[in-house]
Protein backbone atom coordinates (compact mmCIF):
# COMPACT_ATOMS: atom_id res chain seq x y z
CA MET A 1 100.34 103.78 78.93
CA SER A 2 99.48 105.83 82.00
CA LYS A 3 96.78 108.48 81.78
CA ILE A 4 99.29 111.20 82.66
CA PHE A 5 101.70 110.07 79.94
CA ALA A 6 98.86 109.79 77.39
CA TYR A 7 97.73 113.31 78.32
CA GLU A 8 101.29 114.62 77.95
CA ILE A 9 101.53 113.07 74.49
CA PHE A 10 98.20 114.74 73.62
CA VAL A 11 99.53 118.13 74.81
CA TYR A 12 102.79 117.66 72.91
CA GLU A 13 100.82 116.79 69.78
CA ILE A 14 98.86 120.05 70.09
CA ILE A 15 102.14 121.93 70.46
CA LEU A 16 103.60 120.03 67.51
CA ASN A 17 100.63 120.90 65.33
CA ALA A 18 100.95 124.55 66.38
CA VAL A 19 104.62 124.72 65.38
CA VAL A 20 104.39 122.49 62.31
CA LYS A 21 105.15 125.48 60.08
CA MET A 22 108.55 125.82 61.71
CA GLU A 23 111.37 124.18 59.78
CA GLU A 24 112.91 122.36 62.76
CA ILE A 25 110.77 120.16 64.96
CA SER A 26 112.52 118.65 67.95
CA ASN A 27 113.29 114.94 67.92
CA GLY A 28 111.30 114.55 71.13
CA LEU A 29 108.15 115.90 69.52
CA LYS A 30 108.69 113.79 66.40
CA ILE A 31 109.00 110.66 68.56
CA LEU A 32 105.92 111.54 70.61
CA LYS A 33 103.86 112.20 67.49
CA LEU A 34 104.94 108.90 65.92
CA LEU A 35 104.19 106.98 69.13
CA LYS A 36 100.73 108.52 69.28
CA GLN A 37 100.05 107.72 65.62
CA ILE A 38 101.24 104.12 66.04
CA GLY A 39 99.17 103.78 69.22
CA ASN A 40 96.09 105.04 67.38
CA ILE A 41 96.62 102.58 64.52
CA ILE A 42 96.92 99.67 66.95
CA LYS A 43 93.95 100.92 68.97
CA GLN A 44 91.76 101.15 65.85
CA SER A 45 92.81 97.66 64.80
CA MET A 46 92.00 96.27 68.26
CA LYS A 47 88.66 98.08 68.26
CA TYR A 48 87.73 96.52 64.92
CA GLU A 49 88.91 93.04 65.91
CA CYS A 50 87.12 93.10 69.28
CA LYS A 51 83.85 94.53 67.97
CA GLU A 52 82.86 91.22 66.41
CA TYR A 53 83.25 89.56 69.84
CA ASP A 54 81.35 92.24 71.77
CA ILE A 55 84.35 93.37 73.81
CA THR A 56 86.12 96.72 73.83
CA GLY A 57 89.71 97.35 72.74
CA PRO A 58 90.99 97.64 76.35
CA GLN A 59 89.10 94.47 77.27
CA GLY A 60 90.69 92.73 74.29
CA MET A 61 94.16 93.92 75.29
CA LEU A 62 93.59 92.67 78.85
CA MET A 63 92.34 89.32 77.60
CA GLY A 64 95.28 89.01 75.22
CA ILE A 65 97.72 89.56 78.09
CA LEU A 66 95.95 86.99 80.28
CA ALA A 67 95.79 84.50 77.41
CA HIS A 68 99.52 84.95 76.80
CA TYR A 69 100.86 85.06 80.38
CA GLY A 70 98.22 83.03 82.24
CA GLU A 71 97.04 83.75 85.78
CA MET A 72 98.29 87.11 87.08
CA LYS A 73 97.90 89.45 90.03
CA VAL A 74 95.65 92.42 89.29
CA SER A 75 98.55 94.77 90.08
CA ASP A 76 100.82 93.02 87.54
CA LEU A 77 98.08 93.14 84.93
CA SER A 78 97.61 96.87 85.61
CA GLN A 79 101.33 97.44 85.14
CA LYS A 80 101.43 95.55 81.83
CA LEU A 81 98.45 97.57 80.55
CA GLY A 82 99.78 100.87 81.88
CA LEU A 83 96.48 101.49 83.65
CA SER A 84 95.56 102.07 87.29
CA ASN A 85 94.37 99.17 89.44
CA SER A 86 90.92 100.76 89.72
CA THR A 87 90.58 101.08 85.93
CA VAL A 88 91.63 97.46 85.45
CA SER A 89 89.20 96.38 88.18
CA GLY A 90 86.36 98.05 86.28
CA ILE A 91 87.35 96.26 83.08
CA LEU A 92 87.58 92.98 85.02
CA ASP A 93 84.10 93.52 86.52
CA ARG A 94 82.59 93.69 83.04
CA LEU A 95 84.56 90.69 81.78
CA GLU A 96 83.64 88.69 84.88
CA LYS A 97 79.93 89.38 84.23
CA GLN A 98 80.43 88.00 80.71
CA GLY A 99 82.00 84.86 82.17
CA LEU A 100 85.36 85.49 80.51
CA VAL A 101 87.59 85.95 83.58
CA GLU A 102 87.56 84.83 87.17
CA ARG A 103 89.15 86.35 90.25
CA ILE A 104 90.88 84.08 92.74
CA ARG A 105 91.99 85.24 96.19
CA SER A 106 95.42 84.09 97.29
CA LYS A 107 95.27 81.50 100.05
CA GLU A 108 98.53 82.83 101.51
CA ASP A 109 97.57 86.52 101.49
CA ARG A 110 93.85 87.32 101.23
CA ARG A 111 94.65 90.86 100.04
CA VAL A 112 96.17 89.51 96.84
CA VAL A 113 93.78 88.77 93.97
CA TYR A 114 94.72 86.75 90.91
CA VAL A 115 92.87 86.84 87.61
CA SER A 116 92.66 84.12 85.00
CA VAL A 117 90.64 83.39 81.91
CA THR A 118 87.74 80.97 82.22
CA PRO A 119 87.41 77.75 80.22
CA GLU A 120 84.55 79.48 78.35
CA PHE A 121 86.96 82.19 77.26
CA LYS A 122 89.53 79.67 76.11
CA GLU A 123 86.92 77.92 74.02
CA LYS A 124 85.43 81.11 72.56
CA PHE A 125 88.39 83.44 72.05
CA GLN A 126 91.62 81.46 71.82
CA ARG A 127 91.31 81.21 68.04
CA HIS A 128 90.55 84.93 67.81
CA PHE A 129 93.77 85.98 69.57
CA LYS A 130 95.86 83.56 67.53
CA GLU A 131 94.30 85.06 64.40
CA ALA A 132 94.93 88.65 65.61
CA GLU A 133 98.57 87.75 66.31
CA ARG A 134 98.86 86.16 62.86
CA LYS A 135 97.39 89.30 61.22
CA PHE A 136 99.85 91.55 63.05
CA GLU A 137 102.74 89.31 62.03
CA GLU A 138 101.45 89.47 58.46
CA LEU A 139 101.35 93.27 58.61
CA ILE A 140 104.87 93.67 59.94
CA SER A 141 106.22 91.03 57.55
CA ARG A 142 105.79 93.65 54.82
CA ALA A 143 108.94 95.24 56.19
CA SER A 144 112.34 93.79 55.41
CA GLN A 145 114.16 91.91 58.17
CA GLU A 146 116.67 94.76 58.21
CA ASP A 147 113.90 97.32 58.80
CA LEU A 148 112.31 95.14 61.50
CA ASN A 149 115.67 94.87 63.26
CA LYS A 150 116.04 98.67 63.10
CA ILE A 151 112.53 99.16 64.51
CA ILE A 152 113.17 96.75 67.38
CA GLU A 153 116.59 98.25 68.12
CA GLY A 154 115.15 101.77 68.02
CA LEU A 155 112.28 100.93 70.35
CA GLU A 156 114.60 99.12 72.75
CA ALA A 157 116.96 102.12 72.74
CA LEU A 158 114.06 104.51 73.39
CA LYS A 159 112.85 102.33 76.27
CA LYS A 160 116.34 102.25 77.74
CA VAL A 161 116.69 106.05 77.49
CA LEU A 162 113.31 106.61 79.12
CA GLU A 163 114.14 104.22 81.96
CA MET A 164 117.51 105.81 82.71
CA LYS A 165 118.12 107.21 86.16
CA GLY A 166 117.06 110.83 86.25
CA ASN A 167 113.82 110.22 84.39
CA GLU A 168 111.79 109.66 87.56
CA ASP A 169 109.51 112.57 86.67
CA LEU A 170 108.32 110.63 83.59
CA LYS A 171 107.16 107.74 85.78
CA ARG A 172 104.60 109.76 87.72
């Protein structure tokens, strides 16, 4: 999630809390509030899971993406995380010092940098991410298949609406 979008959600939440006494709250504000609450729940869970391995939530998210997708360009990793290249570079610096990731310059284009997990990471953390994925699956399995389908359909519909032409101002 970009910093601008996260800030906008924060502002909308303040507005929502200010108008909570009103009978009608717009659907947009309801959606933003729910997204923020869900994001906070996931963030807290990541924070707890990563604490035992001495990495931060954002570092854990980055490592999870690399573990899942394999070697990636820094720019692609930034896009998947919804963070700027400079923010991701800072996270990578710290992970590189811990020996968990390595940067590899492209032989074809020296400006392009790829990132991958180290063998040490694979040995140390692979089980952790499998366990975190299993725990999340366990959590969502509490919902019926019908509810899960509705959640997925709803999120896909929201994504589609937000990506529609004319929403360029949201992509700043």
